[in-house]
Amino acid sequence: MSEMERPWALMRHHAGWADVFHIETESKDSITGFYPDRETVGPPVSYSVRAVLARYPTIEAARAAREGAVAEWRKHDAGVREAETALRDAEKKREDAWLKSLRDAAER
């Protein structure tokens, strides 16, 4: 299947979310197209081909893949929150140790 048989792409918008993009033209290094889900569809925009996360044959397939990926992303939310809490705790211990060291040195 050629790349143009898959004219629908997902483009990274932010962590955990991708926008559906329709590729109208492409070269070896770039793609040009538009975002069909945006309220105002402006003139075509161009990106490096590296900006494409994945390509699909239909808009429905791209949207379904995006929704499935969001569900996969959400499966990891609790682990990320736990890691963030552990990081904050470790940073607090580091800060407390640093302050204690400074204060201990002042008392010598």
PDB file of N, CA and C in Angstrom:
ATOM      1  N   MET A   1       0.856  -1.185   0.000  1.00  0.00           N
ATOM      2  CA  MET A   1       0.000   0.000   0.000  1.00  0.00           C
ATOM      3  C   MET A   1       0.900   1.245   0.000  1.00  0.00           C
ATOM      4  N   SER A   2       0.679   2.159  -0.918  1.00  0.00           N
ATOM      5  CA  SER A   2       1.492   3.371  -0.991  1.00  0.00           C
ATOM      6  C   SER A   2       1.072   4.356   0.094  1.00  0.00           C
ATOM      7  N   GLU A   3       1.943   5.309   0.362  1.00  0.00           N
ATOM      8  CA  GLU A   3       1.660   6.315   1.393  1.00  0.00           C
ATOM      9  C   GLU A   3       0.392   7.111   1.068  1.00  0.00           C
ATOM     10  N   MET A   4       0.171   7.443  -0.208  1.00  0.00           N
ATOM     11  CA  MET A   4      -1.006   8.253  -0.540  1.00  0.00           C
ATOM     12  C   MET A   4      -2.299   7.448  -0.455  1.00  0.00           C
ATOM     13  N   GLU A   5      -2.205   6.124  -0.329  1.00  0.00           N
ATOM     14  CA  GLU A   5      -3.398   5.330  -0.061  1.00  0.00           C
ATOM     15  C   GLU A   5      -3.800   5.480   1.410  1.00  0.00           C
ATOM     16  N   ARG A   6      -2.943   6.161   2.173  1.00  0.00           N
ATOM     17  CA  ARG A   6      -3.185   6.447   3.584  1.00  0.00           C
ATOM     18  C   ARG A   6      -3.060   7.967   3.786  1.00  0.00           C
ATOM     19  N   PRO A   7      -4.020   8.725   3.259  1.00  0.00           N
ATOM     20  CA  PRO A   7      -3.899  10.189   3.293  1.00  0.00           C
ATOM     21  C   PRO A   7      -4.278  10.822   4.628  1.00  0.00           C
ATOM     22  N   TRP A   8      -4.747  10.025   5.578  1.00  0.00           N
ATOM     23  CA  TRP A   8      -5.130  10.565   6.882  1.00  0.00           C
ATOM     24  C   TRP A   8      -4.030  10.278   7.881  1.00  0.00           C
ATOM     25  N   ALA A   9      -3.609  11.316   8.583  1.00  0.00           N
ATOM     26  CA  ALA A   9      -2.496  11.169   9.515  1.00  0.00           C
ATOM     27  C   ALA A   9      -2.896  11.671  10.896  1.00  0.00           C
ATOM     28  N   LEU A  10      -2.173  11.189  11.878  1.00  0.00           N
ATOM     29  CA  LEU A  10      -2.278  11.749  13.220  1.00  0.00           C
ATOM     30  C   LEU A  10      -1.001  12.524  13.474  1.00  0.00           C
ATOM     31  N   MET A  11      -1.193  13.765  13.910  1.00  0.00           N
ATOM     32  CA  MET A  11      -0.082  14.669  14.184  1.00  0.00           C
ATOM     33  C   MET A  11      -0.100  14.998  15.672  1.00  0.00           C
ATOM     34  N   ARG A  12       1.077  14.971  16.301  1.00  0.00           N
ATOM     35  CA  ARG A  12       1.150  15.274  17.728  1.00  0.00           C
ATOM     36  C   ARG A  12       0.653  16.691  17.996  1.00  0.00           C
ATOM     37  N   HIS A  13      -0.299  16.809  18.917  1.00  0.00           N
ATOM     38  CA  HIS A  13      -0.789  18.127  19.340  1.00  0.00           C
ATOM     39  C   HIS A  13      -0.147  18.488  20.673  1.00  0.00           C
ATOM     40  N   HIS A  14      -0.271  17.617  21.642  1.00  0.00           N
ATOM     41  CA  HIS A  14       0.422  17.731  22.920  1.00  0.00           C
ATOM     42  C   HIS A  14       0.495  16.328  23.495  1.00  0.00           C
ATOM     43  N   ALA A  15       1.155  16.180  24.617  1.00  0.00           N
ATOM     44  CA  ALA A  15       1.324  14.849  25.200  1.00  0.00           C
ATOM     45  C   ALA A  15      -0.031  14.170  25.383  1.00  0.00           C
ATOM     46  N   GLY A  16      -0.183  13.016  24.800  1.00  0.00           N
ATOM     47  CA  GLY A  16      -1.411  12.250  24.952  1.00  0.00           C
ATOM     48  C   GLY A  16      -2.524  12.588  23.988  1.00  0.00           C
ATOM     49  N   TRP A  17      -2.294  13.512  23.082  1.00  0.00           N
ATOM     50  CA  TRP A  17      -3.346  13.864  22.128  1.00  0.00           C
ATOM     51  C   TRP A  17      -2.739  14.114  20.759  1.00  0.00           C
ATOM     52  N   ALA A  18      -3.435  13.636  19.743  1.00  0.00           N
ATOM     53  CA  ALA A  18      -3.009  13.845  18.358  1.00  0.00           C
ATOM     54  C   ALA A  18      -4.182  14.404  17.568  1.00  0.00           C
ATOM     55  N   ASP A  19      -3.887  15.251  16.600  1.00  0.00           N
ATOM     56  CA  ASP A  19      -4.916  15.822  15.727  1.00  0.00           C
ATOM     57  C   ASP A  19      -4.954  15.063  14.407  1.00  0.00           C
ATOM     58  N   VAL A  20      -6.163  14.885  13.887  1.00  0.00           N
ATOM     59  CA  VAL A  20      -6.345  14.267  12.574  1.00  0.00           C
ATOM     60  C   VAL A  20      -5.964  15.302  11.511  1.00  0.00           C
ATOM     61  N   PHE A  21      -5.183  14.867  10.548  1.00  0.00           N
ATOM     62  CA  PHE A  21      -4.676  15.741   9.482  1.00  0.00           C
ATOM     63  C   PHE A  21      -4.890  15.042   8.151  1.00  0.00           C
ATOM     64  N   HIS A  22      -5.389  15.782   7.153  1.00  0.00           N
ATOM     65  CA  HIS A  22      -5.555  15.205   5.815  1.00  0.00           C
ATOM     66  C   HIS A  22      -4.396  15.659   4.940  1.00  0.00           C
ATOM     67  N   ILE A  23      -3.657  14.682   4.425  1.00  0.00           N
ATOM     68  CA  ILE A  23      -2.512  14.966   3.557  1.00  0.00           C
ATOM     69  C   ILE A  23      -3.012  15.085   2.129  1.00  0.00           C
ATOM     70  N   GLU A  24      -2.808  16.278   1.565  1.00  0.00           N
ATOM     71  CA  GLU A  24      -3.214  16.506   0.175  1.00  0.00           C
ATOM     72  C   GLU A  24      -2.078  16.253  -0.794  1.00  0.00           C
ATOM     73  N   THR A  25      -0.877  16.671  -0.424  1.00  0.00           N
ATOM     74  CA  THR A  25       0.302  16.448  -1.273  1.00  0.00           C
ATOM     75  C   THR A  25       1.470  16.109  -0.373  1.00  0.00           C
ATOM     76  N   GLU A  26       2.437  15.420  -0.967  1.00  0.00           N
ATOM     77  CA  GLU A  26       3.635  15.095  -0.203  1.00  0.00           C
ATOM     78  C   GLU A  26       4.826  14.954  -1.120  1.00  0.00           C
ATOM     79  N   SER A  27       5.974  15.217  -0.547  1.00  0.00           N
ATOM     80  CA  SER A  27       7.241  14.995  -1.229  1.00  0.00           C
ATOM     81  C   SER A  27       8.049  14.056  -0.335  1.00  0.00           C
ATOM     82  N   LYS A  28       9.264  13.840  -0.677  1.00  0.00           N
ATOM     83  CA  LYS A  28      10.112  12.968   0.121  1.00  0.00           C
ATOM     84  C   LYS A  28      10.288  13.520   1.544  1.00  0.00           C
ATOM     85  N   ASP A  29      10.300  14.850   1.677  1.00  0.00           N
ATOM     86  CA  ASP A  29      10.612  15.482   2.957  1.00  0.00           C
ATOM     87  C   ASP A  29       9.445  16.168   3.645  1.00  0.00           C
ATOM     88  N   SER A  30       8.356  16.447   2.912  1.00  0.00           N
ATOM     89  CA  SER A  30       7.282  17.228   3.533  1.00  0.00           C
ATOM     90  C   SER A  30       5.899  16.754   3.108  1.00  0.00           C
ATOM     91  N   ILE A  31       4.929  17.157   3.924  1.00  0.00           N
ATOM     92  CA  ILE A  31       3.520  16.905   3.609  1.00  0.00           C
ATOM     93  C   ILE A  31       2.786  18.232   3.680  1.00  0.00           C
ATOM     94  N   THR A  32       1.714  18.341   2.932  1.00  0.00           N
ATOM     95  CA  THR A  32       0.877  19.538   2.947  1.00  0.00           C
ATOM     96  C   THR A  32      -0.566  19.084   3.017  1.00  0.00           C
ATOM     97  N   GLY A  33      -1.351  19.770   3.841  1.00  0.00           N
ATOM     98  CA  GLY A  33      -2.752  19.417   3.975  1.00  0.00           C
ATOM     99  C   GLY A  33      -3.458  20.312   4.967  1.00  0.00           C
ATOM    100  N   PHE A  34      -4.498  19.752   5.616  1.00  0.00           N
ATOM    101  CA  PHE A  34      -5.306  20.562   6.530  1.00  0.00           C
ATOM    102  C   PHE A  34      -5.857  19.694   7.658  1.00  0.00           C
ATOM    103  N   TYR A  35      -6.316  20.358   8.714  1.00  0.00           N
ATOM    104  CA  TYR A  35      -6.939  19.708   9.864  1.00  0.00           C
ATOM    105  C   TYR A  35      -8.457  19.797   9.702  1.00  0.00           C
ATOM    106  N   PRO A  36      -9.147  18.719   9.377  1.00  0.00           N
ATOM    107  CA  PRO A  36     -10.586  18.779   9.109  1.00  0.00           C
ATOM    108  C   PRO A  36     -11.439  19.046  10.350  1.00  0.00           C
ATOM    109  N   ASP A  37     -10.913  18.784  11.528  1.00  0.00           N
ATOM    110  CA  ASP A  37     -11.699  18.950  12.750  1.00  0.00           C
ATOM    111  C   ASP A  37     -11.613  20.352  13.352  1.00  0.00           C
ATOM    112  N   ARG A  38     -10.821  21.194  12.777  1.00  0.00           N
ATOM    113  CA  ARG A  38     -10.697  22.552  13.313  1.00  0.00           C
ATOM    114  C   ARG A  38     -11.872  23.387  12.835  1.00  0.00           C
ATOM    115  N   GLU A  39     -12.330  24.293  13.699  1.00  0.00           N
ATOM    116  CA  GLU A  39     -13.511  25.103  13.365  1.00  0.00           C
ATOM    117  C   GLU A  39     -13.326  25.886  12.084  1.00  0.00           C
ATOM    118  N   THR A  40     -12.181  26.512  11.952  1.00  0.00           N
ATOM    119  CA  THR A  40     -11.912  27.258  10.727  1.00  0.00           C
ATOM    120  C   THR A  40     -10.769  26.560  10.010  1.00  0.00           C
ATOM    121  N   VAL A  41     -11.084  25.995   8.895  1.00  0.00           N
ATOM    122  CA  VAL A  41     -10.058  25.348   8.091  1.00  0.00           C
ATOM    123  C   VAL A  41      -9.421  26.426   7.237  1.00  0.00           C
ATOM    124  N   GLY A  42      -8.161  26.715   7.549  1.00  0.00           N
ATOM    125  CA  GLY A  42      -7.446  27.764   6.828  1.00  0.00           C
ATOM    126  C   GLY A  42      -6.743  27.208   5.611  1.00  0.00           C
ATOM    127  N   PRO A  43      -5.780  27.972   5.114  1.00  0.00           N
ATOM    128  CA  PRO A  43      -5.027  27.495   3.945  1.00  0.00           C
ATOM    129  C   PRO A  43      -4.228  26.249   4.321  1.00  0.00           C
ATOM    130  N   PRO A  44      -3.870  25.445   3.350  1.00  0.00           N
ATOM    131  CA  PRO A  44      -3.071  24.253   3.631  1.00  0.00           C
ATOM    132  C   PRO A  44      -1.772  24.622   4.353  1.00  0.00           C
ATOM    133  N   VAL A  45      -1.330  23.722   5.221  1.00  0.00           N
ATOM    134  CA  VAL A  45      -0.079  23.918   5.955  1.00  0.00           C
ATOM    135  C   VAL A  45       0.865  22.784   5.609  1.00  0.00           C
ATOM    136  N   SER A  46       2.151  23.047   5.730  1.00  0.00           N
ATOM    137  CA  SER A  46       3.166  22.049   5.410  1.00  0.00           C
ATOM    138  C   SER A  46       3.998  21.724   6.642  1.00  0.00           C
ATOM    139  N   TYR A  47       4.387  20.459   6.724  1.00  0.00           N
ATOM    140  CA  TYR A  47       5.220  19.970   7.823  1.00  0.00           C
ATOM    141  C   TYR A  47       6.258  19.016   7.272  1.00  0.00           C
ATOM    142  N   SER A  48       7.278  18.779   8.067  1.00  0.00           N
ATOM    143  CA  SER A  48       8.225  17.722   7.765  1.00  0.00           C
ATOM    144  C   SER A  48       7.499  16.389   7.893  1.00  0.00           C
ATOM    145  N   VAL A  49       7.892  15.416   7.095  1.00  0.00           N
ATOM    146  CA  VAL A  49       7.274  14.093   7.196  1.00  0.00           C
ATOM    147  C   VAL A  49       7.507  13.486   8.576  1.00  0.00           C
ATOM    148  N   ARG A  50       8.513  13.954   9.298  1.00  0.00           N
ATOM    149  CA  ARG A  50       8.776  13.450  10.643  1.00  0.00           C
ATOM    150  C   ARG A  50       7.672  13.824  11.626  1.00  0.00           C
ATOM    151  N   ALA A  51       6.839  14.792  11.287  1.00  0.00           N
ATOM    152  CA  ALA A  51       5.759  15.216  12.181  1.00  0.00           C
ATOM    153  C   ALA A  51       4.604  14.222  12.218  1.00  0.00           C
ATOM    154  N   VAL A  52       4.544  13.324  11.261  1.00  0.00           N
ATOM    155  CA  VAL A  52       3.455  12.346  11.185  1.00  0.00           C
ATOM    156  C   VAL A  52       3.710  11.233  12.204  1.00  0.00           C
ATOM    157  N   LEU A  53       2.738  11.028  13.095  1.00  0.00           N
ATOM    158  CA  LEU A  53       2.847   9.936  14.058  1.00  0.00           C
ATOM    159  C   LEU A  53       2.467   8.605  13.408  1.00  0.00           C
ATOM    160  N   ALA A  54       1.398   8.607  12.616  1.00  0.00           N
ATOM    161  CA  ALA A  54       0.923   7.401  11.938  1.00  0.00           C
ATOM    162  C   ALA A  54      -0.036   7.809  10.823  1.00  0.00           C
ATOM    163  N   ARG A  55      -0.197   6.933   9.837  1.00  0.00           N
ATOM    164  CA  ARG A  55      -1.082   7.216   8.698  1.00  0.00           C
ATOM    165  C   ARG A  55      -2.169   6.158   8.599  1.00  0.00           C
ATOM    166  N   TYR A  56      -3.334   6.577   8.052  1.00  0.00           N
ATOM    167  CA  TYR A  56      -4.517   5.715   7.974  1.00  0.00           C
ATOM    168  C   TYR A  56      -5.215   5.912   6.626  1.00  0.00           C
ATOM    169  N   PRO A  57      -5.968   4.900   6.190  1.00  0.00           N
ATOM    170  CA  PRO A  57      -6.649   5.015   4.900  1.00  0.00           C
ATOM    171  C   PRO A  57      -7.905   5.883   4.950  1.00  0.00           C
ATOM    172  N   THR A  58      -8.526   6.021   6.130  1.00  0.00           N
ATOM    173  CA  THR A  58      -9.770   6.808   6.238  1.00  0.00           C
ATOM    174  C   THR A  58      -9.736   7.695   7.467  1.00  0.00           C
ATOM    175  N   ILE A  59     -10.569   8.723   7.442  1.00  0.00           N
ATOM    176  CA  ILE A  59     -10.680   9.606   8.598  1.00  0.00           C
ATOM    177  C   ILE A  59     -11.240   8.841   9.804  1.00  0.00           C
ATOM    178  N   GLU A  60     -12.141   7.912   9.543  1.00  0.00           N
ATOM    179  CA  GLU A  60     -12.717   7.115  10.635  1.00  0.00           C
ATOM    180  C   GLU A  60     -11.648   6.264  11.323  1.00  0.00           C
ATOM    181  N   ALA A  61     -10.763   5.698  10.518  1.00  0.00           N
ATOM    182  CA  ALA A  61      -9.679   4.888  11.088  1.00  0.00           C
ATOM    183  C   ALA A  61      -8.736   5.752  11.918  1.00  0.00           C
ATOM    184  N   ALA A  62      -8.445   6.955  11.441  1.00  0.00           N
ATOM    185  CA  ALA A  62      -7.570   7.867  12.194  1.00  0.00           C
ATOM    186  C   ALA A  62      -8.221   8.267  13.516  1.00  0.00           C
ATOM    187  N   ARG A  63      -9.506   8.606  13.464  1.00  0.00           N
ATOM    188  CA  ARG A  63     -10.202   8.999  14.699  1.00  0.00           C
ATOM    189  C   ARG A  63     -10.288   7.835  15.684  1.00  0.00           C
ATOM    190  N   ALA A  64     -10.571   6.643  15.193  1.00  0.00           N
ATOM    191  CA  ALA A  64     -10.652   5.468  16.068  1.00  0.00           C
ATOM    192  C   ALA A  64      -9.294   5.179  16.707  1.00  0.00           C
ATOM    193  N   ALA A  65      -8.229   5.289  15.935  1.00  0.00           N
ATOM    194  CA  ALA A  65      -6.887   5.064  16.472  1.00  0.00           C
ATOM    195  C   ALA A  65      -6.555   6.100  17.539  1.00  0.00           C
ATOM    196  N   ARG A  66      -6.936   7.355  17.277  1.00  0.00           N
ATOM    197  CA  ARG A  66      -6.686   8.416  18.254  1.00  0.00           C
ATOM    198  C   ARG A  66      -7.412   8.120  19.560  1.00  0.00           C
ATOM    199  N   GLU A  67      -8.669   7.719  19.473  1.00  0.00           N
ATOM    200  CA  GLU A  67      -9.442   7.430  20.688  1.00  0.00           C
ATOM    201  C   GLU A  67      -8.857   6.231  21.440  1.00  0.00           C
ATOM    202  N   GLY A  68      -8.446   5.217  20.710  1.00  0.00           N
ATOM    203  CA  GLY A  68      -7.814   4.059  21.353  1.00  0.00           C
ATOM    204  C   GLY A  68      -6.514   4.435  22.038  1.00  0.00           C
ATOM    205  N   ALA A  69      -5.755   5.321  21.405  1.00  0.00           N
ATOM    206  CA  ALA A  69      -4.485   5.759  21.989  1.00  0.00           C
ATOM    207  C   ALA A  69      -4.715   6.587  23.251  1.00  0.00           C
ATOM    208  N   VAL A  70      -5.774   7.402  23.256  1.00  0.00           N
ATOM    209  CA  VAL A  70      -6.096   8.173  24.467  1.00  0.00           C
ATOM    210  C   VAL A  70      -6.423   7.211  25.607  1.00  0.00           C
ATOM    211  N   ALA A  71      -7.182   6.176  25.329  1.00  0.00           N
ATOM    212  CA  ALA A  71      -7.510   5.185  26.356  1.00  0.00           C
ATOM    213  C   ALA A  71      -6.236   4.514  26.865  1.00  0.00           C
ATOM    214  N   GLU A  72      -5.326   4.205  25.957  1.00  0.00           N
ATOM    215  CA  GLU A  72      -4.052   3.596  26.365  1.00  0.00           C
ATOM    216  C   GLU A  72      -3.249   4.562  27.237  1.00  0.00           C
ATOM    217  N   TRP A  73      -3.222   5.829  26.855  1.00  0.00           N
ATOM    218  CA  TRP A  73      -2.523   6.862  27.631  1.00  0.00           C
ATOM    219  C   TRP A  73      -3.091   6.923  29.048  1.00  0.00           C
ATOM    220  N   ARG A  74      -4.410   6.926  29.157  1.00  0.00           N
ATOM    221  CA  ARG A  74      -5.085   7.051  30.454  1.00  0.00           C
ATOM    222  C   ARG A  74      -4.790   5.871  31.381  1.00  0.00           C
ATOM    223  N   LYS A  75      -4.506   4.696  30.815  1.00  0.00           N
ATOM    224  CA  LYS A  75      -4.175   3.539  31.643  1.00  0.00           C
ATOM    225  C   LYS A  75      -2.959   3.806  32.534  1.00  0.00           C
ATOM    226  N   HIS A  76      -2.137   4.739  32.133  1.00  0.00           N
ATOM    227  CA  HIS A  76      -0.883   5.017  32.838  1.00  0.00           C
ATOM    228  C   HIS A  76      -0.973   6.219  33.773  1.00  0.00           C
ATOM    229  N   ASP A  77      -2.126   6.863  33.846  1.00  0.00           N
ATOM    230  CA  ASP A  77      -2.275   8.068  34.664  1.00  0.00           C
ATOM    231  C   ASP A  77      -1.932   7.835  36.132  1.00  0.00           C
ATOM    232  N   ALA A  78      -2.421   6.751  36.734  1.00  0.00           N
ATOM    233  CA  ALA A  78      -2.170   6.499  38.151  1.00  0.00           C
ATOM    234  C   ALA A  78      -0.679   6.310  38.412  1.00  0.00           C
ATOM    235  N   GLY A  79      -0.007   5.570  37.547  1.00  0.00           N
ATOM    236  CA  GLY A  79       1.433   5.372  37.701  1.00  0.00           C
ATOM    237  C   GLY A  79       2.201   6.677  37.602  1.00  0.00           C
ATOM    238  N   VAL A  80       1.779   7.545  36.703  1.00  0.00           N
ATOM    239  CA  VAL A  80       2.433   8.842  36.557  1.00  0.00           C
ATOM    240  C   VAL A  80       2.207   9.687  37.817  1.00  0.00           C
ATOM    241  N   ARG A  81       0.972   9.680  38.334  1.00  0.00           N
ATOM    242  CA  ARG A  81       0.699  10.443  39.568  1.00  0.00           C
ATOM    243  C   ARG A  81       1.539   9.919  40.732  1.00  0.00           C
ATOM    244  N   GLU A  82       1.651   8.592  40.833  1.00  0.00           N
ATOM    245  CA  GLU A  82       2.471   8.005  41.900  1.00  0.00           C
ATOM    246  C   GLU A  82       3.933   8.422  41.751  1.00  0.00           C
ATOM    247  N   ALA A  83       4.440   8.391  40.538  1.00  0.00           N
ATOM    248  CA  ALA A  83       5.829   8.782  40.292  1.00  0.00           C
ATOM    249  C   ALA A  83       6.044  10.261  40.600  1.00  0.00           C
ATOM    250  N   GLU A  84       5.085  11.104  40.246  1.00  0.00           N
ATOM    251  CA  GLU A  84       5.196  12.535  40.546  1.00  0.00           C
ATOM    252  C   GLU A  84       5.208  12.775  42.053  1.00  0.00           C
ATOM    253  N   THR A  85       4.370  12.043  42.794  1.00  0.00           N
ATOM    254  CA  THR A  85       4.352  12.164  44.255  1.00  0.00           C
ATOM    255  C   THR A  85       5.687  11.719  44.841  1.00  0.00           C
ATOM    256  N   ALA A  86       6.213  10.600  44.359  1.00  0.00           N
ATOM    257  CA  ALA A  86       7.512  10.120  44.836  1.00  0.00           C
ATOM    258  C   ALA A  86       8.610  11.132  44.524  1.00  0.00           C
ATOM    259  N   LEU A  87       8.563  11.746  43.354  1.00  0.00           N
ATOM    260  CA  LEU A  87       9.550  12.757  42.990  1.00  0.00           C
ATOM    261  C   LEU A  87       9.460  13.966  43.918  1.00  0.00           C
ATOM    262  N   ARG A  88       8.240  14.440  44.182  1.00  0.00           N
ATOM    263  CA  ARG A  88       8.077  15.585  45.089  1.00  0.00           C
ATOM    264  C   ARG A  88       8.600  15.245  46.488  1.00  0.00           C
ATOM    265  N   ASP A  89       8.324  14.026  46.956  1.00  0.00           N
ATOM    266  CA  ASP A  89       8.821  13.602  48.267  1.00  0.00           C
ATOM    267  C   ASP A  89      10.344  13.574  48.294  1.00  0.00           C
ATOM    268  N   ALA A  90      10.964  13.042  47.247  1.00  0.00           N
ATOM    269  CA  ALA A  90      12.426  12.983  47.165  1.00  0.00           C
ATOM    270  C   ALA A  90      13.018  14.391  47.101  1.00  0.00           C
ATOM    271  N   GLU A  91      12.392  15.285  46.353  1.00  0.00           N
ATOM    272  CA  GLU A  91      12.887  16.665  46.276  1.00  0.00           C
ATOM    273  C   GLU A  91      12.777  17.363  47.631  1.00  0.00           C
ATOM    274  N   LYS A  92      11.708  17.087  48.376  1.00  0.00           N
ATOM    275  CA  LYS A  92      11.530  17.668  49.709  1.00  0.00           C
ATOM    276  C   LYS A  92      12.624  17.158  50.644  1.00  0.00           C
ATOM    277  N   LYS A  93      12.915  15.860  50.613  1.00  0.00           N
ATOM    278  CA  LYS A  93      13.993  15.301  51.443  1.00  0.00           C
ATOM    279  C   LYS A  93      15.331  15.931  51.087  1.00  0.00           C
ATOM    280  N   ARG A  94      15.587  16.126  49.797  1.00  0.00           N
ATOM    281  CA  ARG A  94      16.836  16.753  49.362  1.00  0.00           C
ATOM    282  C   ARG A  94      16.931  18.176  49.880  1.00  0.00           C
ATOM    283  N   GLU A  95      15.839  18.922  49.745  1.00  0.00           N
ATOM    284  CA  GLU A  95      15.807  20.311  50.225  1.00  0.00           C
ATOM    285  C   GLU A  95      16.038  20.367  51.738  1.00  0.00           C
ATOM    286  N   ASP A  96      15.349  19.489  52.477  1.00  0.00           N
ATOM    287  CA  ASP A  96      15.506  19.462  53.939  1.00  0.00           C
ATOM    288  C   ASP A  96      16.943  19.128  54.335  1.00  0.00           C
ATOM    289  N   ALA A  97      17.553  18.154  53.642  1.00  0.00           N
ATOM    290  CA  ALA A  97      18.933  17.780  53.948  1.00  0.00           C
ATOM    291  C   ALA A  97      19.893  18.929  53.651  1.00  0.00           C
ATOM    292  N   TRP A  98      19.660  19.625  52.565  1.00  0.00           N
ATOM    293  CA  TRP A  98      20.505  20.767  52.200  1.00  0.00           C
ATOM    294  C   TRP A  98      20.421  21.857  53.262  1.00  0.00           C
ATOM    295  N   LEU A  99      19.187  22.195  53.669  1.00  0.00           N
ATOM    296  CA  LEU A  99      19.014  23.220  54.704  1.00  0.00           C
ATOM    297  C   LEU A  99      19.641  22.793  56.027  1.00  0.00           C
ATOM    298  N   LYS A 100      19.462  21.523  56.392  1.00  0.00           N
ATOM    299  CA  LYS A 100      20.048  21.021  57.639  1.00  0.00           C
ATOM    300  C   LYS A 100      21.557  21.133  57.583  1.00  0.00           C
ATOM    301  N   SER A 101      22.151  20.776  56.432  1.00  0.00           N
ATOM    302  CA  SER A 101      23.589  20.870  56.277  1.00  0.00           C
ATOM    303  C   SER A 101      24.074  22.318  56.465  1.00  0.00           C
ATOM    304  N   LEU A 102      23.372  23.251  55.864  1.00  0.00           N
ATOM    305  CA  LEU A 102      23.741  24.669  56.005  1.00  0.00           C
ATOM    306  C   LEU A 102      23.633  25.129  57.454  1.00  0.00           C
ATOM    307  N   ARG A 103      22.560  24.750  58.106  1.00  0.00           N
ATOM    308  CA  ARG A 103      22.347  25.167  59.502  1.00  0.00           C
ATOM    309  C   ARG A 103      23.340  24.505  60.447  1.00  0.00           C
ATOM    310  N   ASP A 104      23.635  23.214  60.211  1.00  0.00           N
ATOM    311  CA  ASP A 104      24.626  22.531  61.023  1.00  0.00           C
ATOM    312  C   ASP A 104      25.982  23.194  60.892  1.00  0.00           C
ATOM    313  N   ALA A 105      26.346  23.569  59.666  1.00  0.00           N
ATOM    314  CA  ALA A 105      27.637  24.221  59.442  1.00  0.00           C
ATOM    315  C   ALA A 105      27.702  25.574  60.137  1.00  0.00           C
ATOM    316  N   ALA A 106      26.565  26.262  60.240  1.00  0.00           N
ATOM    317  CA  ALA A 106      26.539  27.581  60.899  1.00  0.00           C
ATOM    318  C   ALA A 106      26.720  27.455  62.410  1.00  0.00           C
ATOM    319  N   GLU A 107      26.396  26.286  62.961  1.00  0.00           N
ATOM    320  CA  GLU A 107      26.508  26.090  64.399  1.00  0.00           C
ATOM    321  C   GLU A 107      27.877  25.608  64.831  1.00  0.00           C
ATOM    322  N   ARG A 108      28.751  25.295  63.906  1.00  0.00           N
ATOM    323  CA  ARG A 108      30.096  24.805  64.235  1.00  0.00           C
ATOM    324  C   ARG A 108      31.022  25.921  64.591  1.00  0.00           C
TER     325      ARG A 108
END
